[in-house]
Amino acid sequence: MRREQITSFDHGFAAYKLAFCQHFEEKGFNLGLSFDDFIKEKIAIKARQFNTILNRDIEVENKAKLEKRCCCLPEAVRR
């Protein structure tokens, strides 16, 4: 902060917020997303990762689909 001649908390916070937005806007741009879309996608990924209660239904659904697909295969292929 000294190098940038930032002496107050408000100026420091504003500089941090600007750098934060620029960084993630650039990352989103590289992926073809806007800043808001990039942040929403990151939040959705974290929500799926850490909200295990919500993931249980998805896991059960995926397992049921997989079992259904396996039942359609011939016996020789399933082994």
Protein backbone atom coordinates (compact mmCIF):
# COMPACT_ATOMS: atom_id res chain seq x y z
CA MET A 1 0.00 0.00 0.00
CA ARG A 2 2.89 2.29 0.68
CA ARG A 3 4.25 1.76 -2.83
CA GLU A 4 0.85 2.75 -4.25
CA GLN A 5 0.69 5.75 -1.89
CA ILE A 6 -2.50 4.52 -0.24
CA THR A 7 -2.78 5.99 3.22
CA SER A 8 -6.40 5.48 4.26
CA PHE A 9 -8.55 2.44 4.70
CA ASP A 10 -11.16 3.70 2.22
CA HIS A 11 -8.61 4.20 -0.54
CA GLY A 12 -7.06 0.80 0.21
CA PHE A 13 -10.42 -0.95 0.12
CA ALA A 14 -11.37 0.77 -3.14
CA ALA A 15 -8.06 -0.30 -4.71
CA TYR A 16 -8.57 -3.87 -3.50
CA LYS A 17 -12.12 -3.98 -4.85
CA LEU A 18 -10.97 -2.63 -8.22
CA ALA A 19 -8.14 -5.18 -8.46
CA PHE A 20 -10.50 -7.98 -7.42
CA CYS A 21 -13.05 -7.10 -10.10
CA GLN A 22 -10.39 -6.68 -12.77
CA HIS A 23 -8.81 -10.03 -11.94
CA PHE A 24 -12.04 -12.01 -12.11
CA GLU A 25 -13.34 -10.08 -15.09
CA GLU A 26 -10.17 -11.09 -16.96
CA LYS A 27 -10.56 -14.73 -15.88
CA GLY A 28 -14.20 -14.67 -17.03
CA PHE A 29 -13.25 -13.04 -20.31
CA ASN A 30 -10.74 -15.82 -20.97
CA LEU A 31 -13.57 -18.34 -20.53
CA GLY A 32 -16.02 -16.33 -22.61
CA LEU A 33 -18.13 -15.22 -19.64
CA SER A 34 -19.04 -11.86 -18.21
CA PHE A 35 -17.91 -10.97 -14.69
CA ASP A 36 -21.37 -11.65 -13.23
CA ASP A 37 -21.74 -14.98 -15.05
CA PHE A 38 -18.27 -16.07 -13.97
CA ILE A 39 -19.02 -15.28 -10.30
CA LYS A 40 -22.42 -17.03 -10.48
CA GLU A 41 -20.79 -20.12 -11.94
CA LYS A 42 -18.11 -20.16 -9.23
CA ILE A 43 -20.80 -19.83 -6.54
CA ALA A 44 -22.83 -22.67 -8.09
CA ILE A 45 -19.76 -24.92 -8.14
CA LYS A 46 -19.01 -24.19 -4.48
CA ALA A 47 -22.67 -24.74 -3.54
CA ARG A 48 -22.67 -28.16 -5.21
CA GLN A 49 -19.36 -29.01 -3.58
CA PHE A 50 -20.27 -28.08 -0.01
CA ASN A 51 -24.07 -28.49 0.21
CA THR A 52 -24.00 -32.26 0.51
CA ILE A 53 -27.65 -32.45 1.52
CA LEU A 54 -28.62 -31.08 -1.88
CA ASN A 55 -26.21 -33.46 -3.63
CA ARG A 56 -27.74 -36.63 -2.19
CA ASP A 57 -30.69 -36.51 -4.56
CA ILE A 58 -28.39 -36.03 -7.53
CA GLU A 59 -26.17 -38.93 -6.47
CA VAL A 60 -29.17 -41.23 -6.03
CA GLU A 61 -30.53 -40.13 -9.42
CA ASN A 62 -27.20 -40.77 -11.14
CA LYS A 63 -26.85 -44.18 -9.49
CA ALA A 64 -30.36 -45.15 -10.58
CA LYS A 65 -29.62 -44.07 -14.16
CA LEU A 66 -26.39 -46.05 -14.16
CA GLU A 67 -28.10 -49.17 -12.82
CA LYS A 68 -30.84 -48.80 -15.42
CA ARG A 69 -28.23 -48.60 -18.19
CA CYS A 70 -26.40 -51.64 -16.82
CA CYS A 71 -29.60 -53.69 -16.79
CA CYS A 72 -30.00 -53.09 -20.51
CA LEU A 73 -26.54 -54.51 -21.28
CA PRO A 74 -26.04 -58.20 -22.06
CA GLU A 75 -24.81 -60.39 -19.19
CA ALA A 76 -21.38 -60.93 -20.77
CA VAL A 77 -20.71 -57.18 -20.98
CA ARG A 78 -21.73 -56.47 -17.38
CA ARG A 79 -18.98 -58.69 -15.98
